[in-house]
Amino acid sequence: MTADPSQPRRIDDDLASLRRLRGFLDVTRLVRCEEELPELLSAIASAIAEALAFEVVVVHLYRPSWDDFEATTVHGRAPELAGDCRGWDVWKPLLDERFHRRGAYFVPHGSFDWSTLAPGSYIPPIPASDDPDAWHPEDALFVPLRQSDGRLVGILSVDVPASGRRPTDDELEVLTAMADHAALAIQSAQESARAARHRAALEQLLTVSSRLTETFAIDAILKSVCDGIHTALGFRNVCVDLPDPVTGLYTTRATHGWDLEDPAIASLMSEAQLRRLTDPRFEIEGCYLLSAEQARERIPRENHVYVSELCGRGPLAWSNHWLMVPLWSRSNELIGVIWVDDPEDRLLPSAPKLQALRVFANQATTALDAASQYEEMQFLAEHDPLTRLLNRRAFNDRLAAEVARSTRYGHPLTLVLCDLNGFKALNDAHGHAAGDAALERIGGVLLGALRTVDAAFRIGGDEFALLLPDTRPPEAAAVIDRVSRELNGDAVTEGLSASFGVAVCPEAADDPQALFRAADAAMYDAKSGGSLGRLPRAG
């Protein structure tokens, strides 16, 4: 019997395929893990290195405050790359279309003088070969990491393939697919971190609310507001100006960071001057954000005393901006102004942060009505502000409680997960306002389809969950059908479909995490089934 000389090669190819599949699954699982971002990035780099046999894997995370990319995670033999920061002057030439292959960017040696384009770049100590298919020390391979809406969250770079060969198109497709899942994992971790900061801000608001009821001294109330804004929202300097009862000029009464006698806040303004800043073009969530140039066009030079110390660089960075929050009375009179400056993250504030800032302003104007304010803050701590559904934090608590009740008393509990399909396309085609309107509509329909004992949650960007106590699959199907009838032909959700996953406790699982995984798996089975249809029935 003669041995097949190609058999060892086939075995090697099979092993490589299995290794890639295992790595792909590892990265896919990371999309839904709850690790902190540094640990997540390390796991991503390790999985890609092991699956695709690259000795060096680096994750360059985008820094919006500086509009550049930092090598935050380095796997392999190039630890000196950690902390390396490069801007678009380096990355834009490297991501040129002439290097694009199968979703990745392969830059062959000789394309650039690395010492000129990116001084200090890592050049691996490997020999160069005359073989045109061999990996050259100055070859480079990059894959953009984009979140679901297309925005860049980072760049993945790999180097020194164990094979010593330049990657094939098939290998690049595998690398790109793994990078896509890695980007989703990074997006999820960043969104979770933002959600955690937002929860912390709301919890701080609750603390401030309780303190405001402890005193009727206006200066103590305003000081609590300033301290709360600093702690919860990360602004180094905060002050509150109130009108002087004699002159009518707005004078600083409370601060955090600035000293009350600091010349930077000694500039007095009239109500007429302040109203020039409240142009509707600059209004975001009840706050007014202006560039330094826009402020100079409206306010006399003598009022431009303070220059921000925590500025960044790029389109998303704080750059000596003006941010004010007017305090309006119930009769729409201007009774004060909150000024904030020097964000510790050096970024322009997000809409959720401005929402929280506006609420702090409301606290200052409604200190005597603390009870109602406290109630609203309690609601926001456990609800999504857009859809008004319960949020992920409330979902985790409620799921654990309902599973415990189900297993203790033997009553069925049905968990329904829903993932929208086509939501990114809706945002791209019609804008985020249309996407928000669709989410609000879906949230309202979900609430209307439930019994009093049921609960609806928004657990992610376009992901929802229903908890249906004392309910089995047929009743859950009826709920889904009610949602279907309500949304059938709805213009607001036109073009959307959804995948549903159903799991029943205790049959499918008797602990919260396992029940969630079972419903999640069912939902993805439905999604992969291909019967996407119109919202809400996709599987």
Protein backbone atom coordinates (compact mmCIF):
# COMPACT_ATOMS: atom_id res chain seq x y z
CA MET A 1 0.00 0.00 0.00
CA THR A 2 1.43 3.40 -1.02
CA ALA A 3 1.03 6.38 1.33
CA ASP A 4 -0.68 9.48 -0.05
CA PRO A 5 1.99 12.24 0.05
CA SER A 6 -0.74 14.93 0.22
CA GLN A 7 -2.30 13.47 3.37
CA PRO A 8 -0.07 15.39 5.89
CA ARG A 9 -0.86 18.64 4.10
CA ARG A 10 -4.60 17.93 4.22
CA ILE A 11 -4.32 17.17 7.91
CA ASP A 12 -2.48 20.45 8.47
CA ASP A 13 -5.16 22.30 6.48
CA ASP A 14 -7.92 20.63 8.50
CA LEU A 15 -6.22 21.54 11.76
CA ALA A 16 -5.81 25.13 10.60
CA SER A 17 -9.49 25.26 9.66
CA LEU A 18 -10.51 23.90 13.05
CA ARG A 19 -8.24 26.40 14.77
CA ARG A 20 -9.82 29.25 12.83
CA LEU A 21 -13.31 28.02 13.59
CA ARG A 22 -12.53 27.77 17.29
CA GLY A 23 -11.04 31.27 17.25
CA PHE A 24 -14.06 32.62 15.38
CA LEU A 25 -16.38 31.11 17.98
CA ASP A 26 -14.22 32.51 20.78
CA VAL A 27 -14.45 36.02 19.36
CA THR A 28 -18.18 35.61 18.71
CA ARG A 29 -18.74 34.66 22.36
CA LEU A 30 -16.89 37.80 23.44
CA VAL A 31 -19.63 39.93 21.85
CA ARG A 32 -21.89 39.11 24.78
CA CYS A 33 -19.35 38.84 27.58
CA GLU A 34 -19.40 41.33 30.44
CA GLU A 35 -15.67 41.78 30.95
CA GLU A 36 -14.06 45.18 31.37
CA LEU A 37 -12.69 46.64 28.14
CA PRO A 38 -8.95 45.97 28.81
CA GLU A 39 -9.60 42.30 29.58
CA LEU A 40 -11.93 42.05 26.58
CA LEU A 41 -9.33 43.50 24.21
CA SER A 42 -6.69 41.12 25.55
CA ALA A 43 -9.01 38.17 24.97
CA ILE A 44 -9.78 39.36 21.43
CA ALA A 45 -6.10 39.73 20.55
CA SER A 46 -5.25 36.34 22.03
CA ALA A 47 -8.10 34.61 20.18
CA ILE A 48 -7.12 36.12 16.83
CA ALA A 49 -3.43 35.34 17.34
CA GLU A 50 -4.15 31.71 18.19
CA ALA A 51 -6.79 31.16 15.51
CA LEU A 52 -4.95 32.77 12.60
CA ALA A 53 -1.39 32.06 13.77
CA PHE A 54 -0.03 35.60 13.88
CA GLU A 55 2.76 36.20 16.35
CA VAL A 56 1.85 39.86 16.86
CA VAL A 57 -1.70 41.24 17.22
CA VAL A 58 -2.33 44.85 18.21
CA VAL A 59 -5.61 46.65 18.89
CA HIS A 60 -5.39 50.38 18.19
CA LEU A 61 -8.40 51.90 19.95
CA TYR A 62 -9.86 55.16 18.66
CA ARG A 63 -9.57 58.07 21.12
CA PRO A 64 -12.30 60.59 20.25
CA SER A 65 -10.85 63.20 22.62
CA TRP A 66 -7.66 63.32 20.53
CA ASP A 67 -8.98 62.02 17.18
CA ASP A 68 -6.22 59.41 17.06
CA PHE A 69 -5.60 55.73 17.73
CA GLU A 70 -3.79 54.28 20.74
CA ALA A 71 -2.22 50.82 20.85
CA THR A 72 -4.07 49.72 23.96
CA THR A 73 -3.55 45.98 23.59
CA VAL A 74 -0.45 44.19 22.31
CA HIS A 75 -0.29 40.41 22.03
CA GLY A 76 3.04 38.84 21.19
CA ARG A 77 6.59 39.94 20.80
CA ALA A 78 6.13 43.72 20.48
CA PRO A 79 5.32 45.01 24.00
CA GLU A 80 7.03 48.31 23.20
CA LEU A 81 4.03 49.18 21.01
CA ALA A 82 1.75 49.56 24.03
CA GLY A 83 0.63 53.17 24.41
CA ASP A 84 1.76 54.16 20.91
CA CYS A 85 -0.56 56.86 19.52
CA ARG A 86 -0.94 57.75 15.85
CA GLY A 87 -3.28 60.21 14.18
CA TRP A 88 -5.00 60.29 10.82
CA ASP A 89 -1.82 61.65 9.22
CA VAL A 90 -0.45 58.11 9.63
CA TRP A 91 -3.58 55.99 9.30
CA LYS A 92 -5.24 57.67 6.32
CA PRO A 93 -2.44 56.73 3.85
CA LEU A 94 -2.38 53.18 5.23
CA LEU A 95 -6.12 52.75 4.76
CA ASP A 96 -5.99 53.88 1.14
CA GLU A 97 -8.22 51.94 -1.26
CA ARG A 98 -5.26 50.68 -3.26
CA PHE A 99 -4.36 48.45 -0.30
CA HIS A 100 -7.90 47.17 0.24
CA ARG A 101 -8.35 43.40 -0.02
CA ARG A 102 -11.35 41.47 1.24
CA GLY A 103 -12.19 44.01 3.93
CA ALA A 104 -8.59 44.29 5.13
CA TYR A 105 -5.75 46.57 4.11
CA PHE A 106 -2.53 44.83 3.10
CA VAL A 107 0.38 47.27 2.72
CA PRO A 108 3.29 45.54 0.96
CA HIS A 109 6.84 46.49 1.80
CA GLY A 110 8.20 49.37 -0.21
CA SER A 111 4.87 51.23 -0.26
CA PHE A 112 6.12 53.70 2.37
CA ASP A 113 9.26 54.70 4.15
CA TRP A 114 8.13 53.70 7.64
CA SER A 115 10.77 55.87 9.30
CA THR A 116 9.21 58.89 7.59
CA LEU A 117 5.50 58.04 7.72
CA ALA A 118 5.46 56.55 11.23
CA PRO A 119 8.78 56.95 13.04
CA GLY A 120 9.34 54.28 15.66
CA SER A 121 7.14 51.72 13.91
CA TYR A 122 7.66 48.10 14.85
CA ILE A 123 9.70 46.16 12.28
CA PRO A 124 9.88 42.51 13.31
CA PRO A 125 13.37 40.97 13.38
CA ILE A 126 12.72 38.35 10.71
CA PRO A 127 14.71 37.74 7.53
CA ALA A 128 13.49 39.06 4.19
CA SER A 129 12.92 36.58 1.39
CA ASP A 130 13.04 36.87 -2.40
CA ASP A 131 9.88 34.75 -2.59
CA PRO A 132 7.10 37.16 -3.67
CA ASP A 133 4.57 35.27 -1.53
CA ALA A 134 6.71 35.36 1.61
CA TRP A 135 5.89 37.75 4.42
CA HIS A 136 8.38 40.62 4.42
CA PRO A 137 9.43 42.36 7.70
CA GLU A 138 8.01 45.64 6.35
CA ASP A 139 4.70 44.17 5.20
CA ALA A 140 1.70 45.44 7.17
CA LEU A 141 -1.86 44.19 7.55
CA PHE A 142 -4.70 46.20 9.09
CA VAL A 143 -8.43 45.69 9.56
CA PRO A 144 -10.75 48.60 10.56
CA LEU A 145 -12.98 47.83 13.54
CA ARG A 146 -16.38 49.37 12.92
CA GLN A 147 -19.42 49.34 15.17
CA SER A 148 -22.87 48.52 13.86
CA ASP A 149 -23.53 52.05 12.59
CA GLY A 150 -20.27 52.11 10.63
CA ARG A 151 -18.31 54.34 12.98
CA LEU A 152 -14.68 53.38 13.53
CA VAL A 153 -13.88 52.17 17.05
CA GLY A 154 -10.36 51.00 16.32
CA ILE A 155 -7.94 49.30 13.98
CA LEU A 156 -6.61 45.77 14.26
CA SER A 157 -3.06 45.15 13.06
CA VAL A 158 -1.42 41.74 12.74
CA ASP A 159 2.16 40.81 11.93
CA VAL A 160 4.55 37.87 11.56
CA PRO A 161 2.33 35.01 10.33
CA ALA A 162 3.61 31.68 11.61
CA SER A 163 3.41 30.33 8.05
CA GLY A 164 5.87 32.95 6.86
CA ARG A 165 3.51 33.61 3.94
CA ARG A 166 1.40 36.55 2.89
CA PRO A 167 -2.28 35.89 3.58
CA THR A 168 -4.57 34.49 0.92
CA ASP A 169 -7.94 36.04 0.12
CA ASP A 170 -9.66 33.29 2.10
CA GLU A 171 -7.47 34.00 5.12
CA LEU A 172 -8.20 37.72 4.84
CA GLU A 173 -11.93 37.02 4.79
CA VAL A 174 -11.62 35.00 8.00
CA LEU A 175 -9.56 37.77 9.60
CA THR A 176 -12.12 40.39 8.55
CA ALA A 177 -15.02 38.32 9.89
CA MET A 178 -13.27 37.93 13.24
CA ALA A 179 -12.50 41.64 13.29
CA ASP A 180 -16.17 42.45 12.65
CA HIS A 181 -17.19 40.40 15.67
CA ALA A 182 -14.38 41.91 17.72
CA ALA A 183 -15.68 45.38 16.83
CA LEU A 184 -19.16 44.42 18.05
CA ALA A 185 -17.65 43.16 21.30
CA ILE A 186 -15.78 46.44 21.75
CA GLN A 187 -18.93 48.42 20.97
CA SER A 188 -20.90 46.40 23.50
CA ALA A 189 -18.27 46.94 26.20
CA GLN A 190 -18.08 50.67 25.51
CA GLU A 191 -21.86 51.00 25.56
CA SER A 192 -22.00 49.09 28.85
CA ALA A 193 -19.38 51.43 30.32
CA ARG A 194 -21.34 54.46 29.15
CA ALA A 195 -24.52 52.98 30.59
CA ALA A 196 -22.74 52.38 33.90
CA ARG A 197 -21.55 55.98 33.99
CA HIS A 198 -25.06 57.17 33.17
CA ARG A 199 -26.48 55.02 35.98
CA ALA A 200 -23.88 56.45 38.35
CA ALA A 201 -24.91 59.95 37.30
CA LEU A 202 -28.57 59.18 37.96
CA GLU A 203 -27.71 57.65 41.34
CA GLN A 204 -25.75 60.80 42.19
CA LEU A 205 -28.80 62.80 41.19
CA LEU A 206 -30.84 60.81 43.67
CA THR A 207 -28.28 61.59 46.36
CA VAL A 208 -28.40 65.30 45.54
CA SER A 209 -32.20 65.18 45.57
CA SER A 210 -32.24 63.79 49.09
CA ARG A 211 -29.75 66.39 50.29
CA LEU A 212 -31.73 69.27 48.82
CA THR A 213 -34.61 68.43 51.11
CA GLU A 214 -32.37 68.73 54.16
CA THR A 215 -32.01 72.51 53.95
CA PHE A 216 -33.78 75.61 52.69
CA ALA A 217 -30.52 77.59 52.47
CA ILE A 218 -30.15 78.50 48.80
CA ASP A 219 -26.31 78.61 48.85
CA ALA A 220 -26.14 75.13 50.39
CA ILE A 221 -28.58 73.83 47.78
CA LEU A 222 -26.57 75.34 44.92
CA LYS A 223 -23.29 74.03 46.36
CA SER A 224 -24.77 70.53 46.40
CA VAL A 225 -25.79 70.97 42.77
CA CYS A 226 -22.27 72.07 41.76
CA ASP A 227 -20.62 69.20 43.63
CA GLY A 228 -23.10 66.75 42.16
CA ILE A 229 -22.43 67.90 38.57
CA HIS A 230 -18.69 67.51 39.10
CA THR A 231 -18.96 64.07 40.66
CA ALA A 232 -21.58 62.59 38.38
CA LEU A 233 -20.78 64.19 35.04
CA GLY A 234 -17.03 64.77 35.22
CA PHE A 235 -16.74 68.54 34.77
CA ARG A 236 -13.80 69.97 36.70
CA ASN A 237 -15.29 73.45 37.03
CA VAL A 238 -18.93 74.28 37.77
CA CYS A 239 -20.65 77.44 38.98
CA VAL A 240 -24.17 78.77 39.44
CA ASP A 241 -25.01 82.43 38.80
CA LEU A 242 -28.11 84.13 40.21
CA PRO A 243 -29.32 87.68 39.54
CA ASP A 244 -28.32 90.31 42.06
CA PRO A 245 -31.56 91.68 43.55
CA VAL A 246 -30.28 95.26 43.26
CA THR A 247 -28.31 95.43 39.99
CA GLY A 248 -29.98 92.56 38.16
CA LEU A 249 -26.54 91.35 37.02
CA TYR A 250 -25.90 87.64 37.34
CA THR A 251 -23.39 86.90 40.10
CA THR A 252 -21.73 83.63 41.05
CA ARG A 253 -23.24 82.15 44.21
CA ALA A 254 -21.78 78.63 44.30
CA THR A 255 -18.90 76.78 42.67
CA HIS A 256 -16.97 73.56 42.39
CA GLY A 257 -13.36 73.81 41.21
CA TRP A 258 -13.34 77.55 40.74
CA ASP A 259 -12.97 79.75 43.80
CA LEU A 260 -15.76 82.21 44.41
CA GLU A 261 -13.21 85.03 44.17
CA ASP A 262 -11.58 83.67 40.99
CA PRO A 263 -11.35 86.42 38.33
CA ALA A 264 -12.30 83.77 35.76
CA ILE A 265 -15.89 83.86 37.03
CA ALA A 266 -16.00 87.46 38.17
CA SER A 267 -17.39 88.71 34.86
CA LEU A 268 -20.97 89.88 35.41
CA MET A 269 -23.62 89.54 32.70
CA SER A 270 -27.07 90.97 32.28
CA GLU A 271 -30.13 88.92 31.41
CA ALA A 272 -30.12 90.42 27.92
CA GLN A 273 -26.56 89.21 27.35
CA LEU A 274 -27.35 85.72 28.61
CA ARG A 275 -30.40 85.43 26.40
CA ARG A 276 -28.18 86.00 23.37
CA LEU A 277 -26.62 82.64 24.15
CA THR A 278 -29.97 80.84 24.26
CA ASP A 279 -30.32 80.72 20.50
CA PRO A 280 -32.33 77.59 19.56
CA ARG A 281 -29.54 76.60 17.15
CA PHE A 282 -27.29 75.87 20.13
CA GLU A 283 -29.88 74.07 22.28
CA ILE A 284 -29.27 70.38 23.07
CA GLU A 285 -31.44 68.67 25.68
CA GLY A 286 -32.24 72.02 27.30
CA CYS A 287 -28.57 73.05 27.49
CA TYR A 288 -26.76 75.54 25.24
CA LEU A 289 -23.41 74.57 23.74
CA LEU A 290 -21.43 77.13 21.74
CA SER A 291 -17.98 77.19 20.22
CA ALA A 292 -15.63 79.94 21.37
CA GLU A 293 -16.15 81.71 18.06
CA GLN A 294 -19.94 81.58 18.37
CA ALA A 295 -19.72 82.98 21.90
CA ARG A 296 -17.42 85.79 20.77
CA GLU A 297 -19.98 86.82 18.17
CA ARG A 298 -22.62 87.33 20.90
CA ILE A 299 -20.83 88.39 24.07
CA PRO A 300 -18.49 91.40 24.57
CA ARG A 301 -14.76 90.66 24.75
CA GLU A 302 -14.53 91.67 28.42
CA ASN A 303 -16.74 88.71 29.32
CA HIS A 304 -14.33 86.22 27.70
CA VAL A 305 -12.17 85.80 30.79
CA TYR A 306 -11.69 82.06 31.22
CA VAL A 307 -9.84 79.77 28.78
CA SER A 308 -10.55 76.04 29.17
CA GLU A 309 -7.64 73.96 30.45
CA LEU A 310 -8.90 70.50 29.43
CA CYS A 311 -9.18 70.79 25.67
CA GLY A 312 -8.72 67.96 23.20
CA ARG A 313 -8.29 67.71 19.45
CA GLY A 314 -10.65 66.72 16.66
CA PRO A 315 -14.34 67.07 15.80
CA LEU A 316 -15.59 65.47 19.03
CA ALA A 317 -13.23 67.28 21.39
CA TRP A 318 -13.87 70.11 23.82
CA SER A 319 -12.05 73.22 22.56
CA ASN A 320 -12.75 76.21 24.82
CA HIS A 321 -16.48 75.74 24.32
CA TRP A 322 -19.16 77.51 26.33
CA LEU A 323 -21.79 75.33 28.01
CA MET A 324 -24.58 76.93 29.99
CA VAL A 325 -27.84 75.68 31.43
CA PRO A 326 -30.50 78.31 32.10
CA LEU A 327 -32.71 77.94 35.15
CA TRP A 328 -36.25 78.79 34.13
CA SER A 329 -39.10 79.51 36.49
CA ARG A 330 -42.56 78.10 35.86
CA SER A 331 -43.47 81.42 34.26
CA ASN A 332 -40.44 81.09 31.91
CA GLU A 333 -38.38 83.75 33.68
CA LEU A 334 -34.58 83.37 33.76
CA ILE A 335 -33.77 82.95 37.45
CA GLY A 336 -30.21 81.63 37.17
CA VAL A 337 -27.54 80.00 35.04
CA ILE A 338 -25.31 76.96 35.53
CA TRP A 339 -21.91 77.12 33.81
CA VAL A 340 -19.74 74.03 33.36
CA ASP A 341 -16.25 73.78 31.89
CA ASP A 342 -13.22 71.51 31.55
CA PRO A 343 -14.74 68.04 30.99
CA GLU A 344 -12.33 65.48 32.40
CA ASP A 345 -12.65 63.29 29.29
CA ARG A 346 -11.90 66.35 27.07
CA LEU A 347 -14.95 65.51 24.93
CA LEU A 348 -18.03 67.42 23.92
CA PRO A 349 -20.80 66.11 26.16
CA SER A 350 -23.11 63.44 24.84
CA ALA A 351 -26.88 63.82 24.74
CA PRO A 352 -27.34 61.57 27.83
CA LYS A 353 -24.80 63.66 29.74
CA LEU A 354 -26.58 66.86 28.75
CA GLN A 355 -29.85 65.27 29.80
CA ALA A 356 -28.37 64.64 33.22
CA LEU A 357 -26.97 68.16 33.37
CA ARG A 358 -30.39 69.55 32.54
CA VAL A 359 -31.83 67.50 35.39
CA PHE A 360 -29.27 68.98 37.78
CA ALA A 361 -30.51 72.39 36.65
CA ASN A 362 -34.04 71.30 37.32
CA GLN A 363 -32.95 70.29 40.82
CA ALA A 364 -31.67 73.79 41.41
CA THR A 365 -34.96 75.36 40.32
CA THR A 366 -37.29 72.91 42.06
CA ALA A 367 -35.55 72.29 45.38
CA LEU A 368 -38.82 72.83 47.25
CA ASP A 369 -40.47 70.16 45.13
CA ALA A 370 -37.84 67.51 45.92
CA ALA A 371 -40.31 64.69 46.36
CA SER A 372 -41.49 64.77 42.74
CA GLN A 373 -37.93 65.18 41.49
CA TYR A 374 -36.85 62.15 43.53
CA GLU A 375 -39.62 60.08 42.00
CA GLU A 376 -38.50 61.01 38.49
CA MET A 377 -34.89 60.13 39.25
CA GLN A 378 -35.93 56.76 40.60
CA PHE A 379 -37.74 56.11 37.34
CA LEU A 380 -34.72 57.09 35.19
CA ALA A 381 -32.38 54.92 37.25
CA GLU A 382 -34.26 51.82 36.06
CA HIS A 383 -35.81 52.89 32.75
CA ASP A 384 -34.60 53.66 29.27
CA PRO A 385 -35.24 57.39 28.67
CA LEU A 386 -36.16 56.91 24.99
CA THR A 387 -38.65 54.03 25.05
CA ARG A 388 -39.60 54.38 28.75
CA LEU A 389 -39.17 50.62 29.05
CA LEU A 390 -37.25 49.10 31.93
CA ASN A 391 -33.49 49.01 31.27
CA ARG A 392 -30.86 46.25 31.35
CA ARG A 393 -30.09 46.78 35.03
CA ALA A 394 -33.75 46.33 35.97
CA PHE A 395 -33.96 43.32 33.63
CA ASN A 396 -31.13 41.52 35.41
CA ASP A 397 -32.73 42.13 38.82
CA ARG A 398 -36.24 41.17 37.67
CA LEU A 399 -35.06 38.06 35.80
CA ALA A 400 -33.27 36.75 38.88
CA ALA A 401 -36.30 37.39 41.08
CA GLU A 402 -38.79 35.81 38.65
CA VAL A 403 -36.62 32.72 38.07
CA ALA A 404 -36.31 32.25 41.83
CA ARG A 405 -40.09 32.53 42.21
CA SER A 406 -40.70 30.14 39.31
CA THR A 407 -38.41 27.43 40.63
CA ARG A 408 -39.64 27.81 44.20
CA TYR A 409 -43.35 27.58 43.44
CA GLY A 410 -43.25 25.50 40.24
CA HIS A 411 -44.92 28.16 38.12
CA PRO A 412 -43.75 28.59 34.50
CA LEU A 413 -41.90 31.72 33.48
CA THR A 414 -41.44 32.59 29.80
CA LEU A 415 -38.60 34.80 28.64
CA VAL A 416 -38.96 36.33 25.16
CA LEU A 417 -35.98 38.05 23.51
CA CYS A 418 -36.39 40.24 20.43
CA ASP A 419 -33.66 41.54 18.13
CA LEU A 420 -34.53 44.01 15.37
CA ASN A 421 -33.30 43.42 11.82
CA GLY A 422 -32.77 46.34 9.48
CA PHE A 423 -32.40 48.94 12.22
CA LYS A 424 -28.99 50.14 10.99
CA ALA A 425 -30.38 50.46 7.47
CA LEU A 426 -33.30 52.50 8.81
CA ASN A 427 -30.90 54.85 10.60
CA ASP A 428 -28.69 55.14 7.53
CA ALA A 429 -31.59 55.81 5.18
CA HIS A 430 -33.75 58.12 7.31
CA GLY A 431 -31.54 59.34 10.15
CA HIS A 432 -31.35 58.64 13.85
CA ALA A 433 -34.55 60.56 14.53
CA ALA A 434 -36.43 57.94 12.48
CA GLY A 435 -34.65 55.16 14.37
CA ASP A 436 -35.56 56.74 17.71
CA ALA A 437 -39.17 57.09 16.60
CA ALA A 438 -39.27 53.41 15.63
CA LEU A 439 -37.82 52.37 18.99
CA GLU A 440 -40.33 54.52 20.83
CA ARG A 441 -43.17 53.04 18.79
CA ILE A 442 -42.04 49.47 19.46
CA GLY A 443 -41.65 50.22 23.16
CA GLY A 444 -45.18 51.57 23.36
CA VAL A 445 -46.63 48.57 21.54
CA LEU A 446 -44.77 46.12 23.76
CA LEU A 447 -46.13 47.80 26.87
CA GLY A 448 -49.64 47.79 25.46
CA ALA A 449 -49.51 44.07 24.68
CA LEU A 450 -48.66 42.99 28.24
CA ARG A 451 -50.60 42.15 31.35
CA THR A 452 -50.00 44.00 34.59
CA VAL A 453 -47.75 41.22 35.92
CA ASP A 454 -45.62 41.13 32.75
CA ALA A 455 -42.63 43.41 32.08
CA ALA A 456 -40.95 44.78 28.97
CA PHE A 457 -37.31 45.86 28.78
CA ARG A 458 -34.91 47.48 26.35
CA ILE A 459 -31.70 45.56 27.01
CA GLY A 460 -29.55 46.92 24.18
CA GLY A 461 -29.53 49.26 21.21
CA ASP A 462 -32.17 47.36 19.23
CA GLU A 463 -32.75 44.45 21.60
CA PHE A 464 -35.83 43.95 23.79
CA ALA A 465 -36.98 41.40 26.33
CA LEU A 466 -40.32 40.35 27.82
CA LEU A 467 -40.80 38.54 31.13
CA LEU A 468 -44.12 36.69 31.24
CA PRO A 469 -44.79 35.02 34.61
CA ASP A 470 -47.18 32.04 34.70
CA THR A 471 -47.00 31.83 30.91
CA ARG A 472 -46.14 29.00 28.53
CA PRO A 473 -45.10 29.15 24.84
CA PRO A 474 -48.63 29.23 23.39
CA GLU A 475 -49.52 32.27 25.51
CA ALA A 476 -46.15 33.85 24.61
CA ALA A 477 -46.93 33.29 20.94
CA ALA A 478 -50.22 35.09 21.47
CA VAL A 479 -48.35 38.08 22.92
CA ILE A 480 -46.06 38.13 19.88
CA ASP A 481 -49.13 37.94 17.63
CA ARG A 482 -50.70 40.92 19.43
CA VAL A 483 -47.54 42.89 18.82
CA SER A 484 -47.62 41.75 15.18
CA ARG A 485 -51.18 42.92 14.63
CA GLU A 486 -50.52 46.26 16.27
CA LEU A 487 -47.46 47.02 14.16
CA ASN A 488 -48.67 45.52 10.90
CA GLY A 489 -48.44 48.24 8.27
CA ASP A 490 -47.13 50.81 10.76
CA ALA A 491 -45.31 53.52 8.78
CA VAL A 492 -42.95 54.32 11.66
CA THR A 493 -41.47 50.80 11.68
CA GLU A 494 -41.59 50.26 7.93
CA GLY A 495 -38.66 48.17 6.70
CA LEU A 496 -37.91 46.56 10.06
CA SER A 497 -38.18 42.90 10.92
CA ALA A 498 -37.40 41.06 14.14
CA SER A 499 -36.15 37.73 15.40
CA PHE A 500 -37.75 36.26 18.53
CA GLY A 501 -36.39 33.68 20.93
CA VAL A 502 -38.51 31.99 23.61
CA ALA A 503 -37.33 29.99 26.62
CA VAL A 504 -39.43 28.67 29.52
CA CYS A 505 -38.30 28.21 33.11
CA PRO A 506 -37.80 25.62 34.50
CA GLU A 507 -37.99 23.38 31.39
CA ALA A 508 -35.26 25.17 29.42
CA ALA A 509 -33.20 26.27 32.44
CA ASP A 510 -33.62 27.00 36.10
CA ASP A 511 -31.12 29.81 36.61
CA PRO A 512 -31.19 33.34 35.12
CA GLN A 513 -28.03 33.14 33.00
CA ALA A 514 -28.88 29.77 31.50
CA LEU A 515 -32.45 30.86 30.73
CA PHE A 516 -31.13 33.96 28.98
CA ARG A 517 -28.67 31.90 26.96
CA ALA A 518 -31.44 29.51 25.93
CA ALA A 519 -33.67 32.34 24.72
CA ASP A 520 -30.71 34.00 23.04
CA ALA A 521 -29.83 30.80 21.21
CA ALA A 522 -33.44 30.38 20.10
CA MET A 523 -33.47 33.95 18.84
CA TYR A 524 -30.32 33.44 16.80
CA ASP A 525 -31.67 30.18 15.45
CA ALA A 526 -34.67 32.15 14.25
CA LYS A 527 -32.42 34.86 12.80
CA SER A 528 -30.29 32.31 10.94
CA GLY A 529 -33.44 30.61 9.64
CA GLY A 530 -33.84 33.38 7.11
CA SER A 531 -37.60 33.97 7.46
CA LEU A 532 -37.19 37.66 8.19
CA GLY A 533 -40.42 39.14 6.88
CA ARG A 534 -41.85 42.39 8.26
CA LEU A 535 -41.79 43.37 11.88
CA PRO A 536 -42.42 41.79 14.25
CA ARG A 537 -42.35 38.16 13.04
CA ALA A 538 -38.96 37.05 11.84
CA GLY A 539 -38.64 33.64 13.42
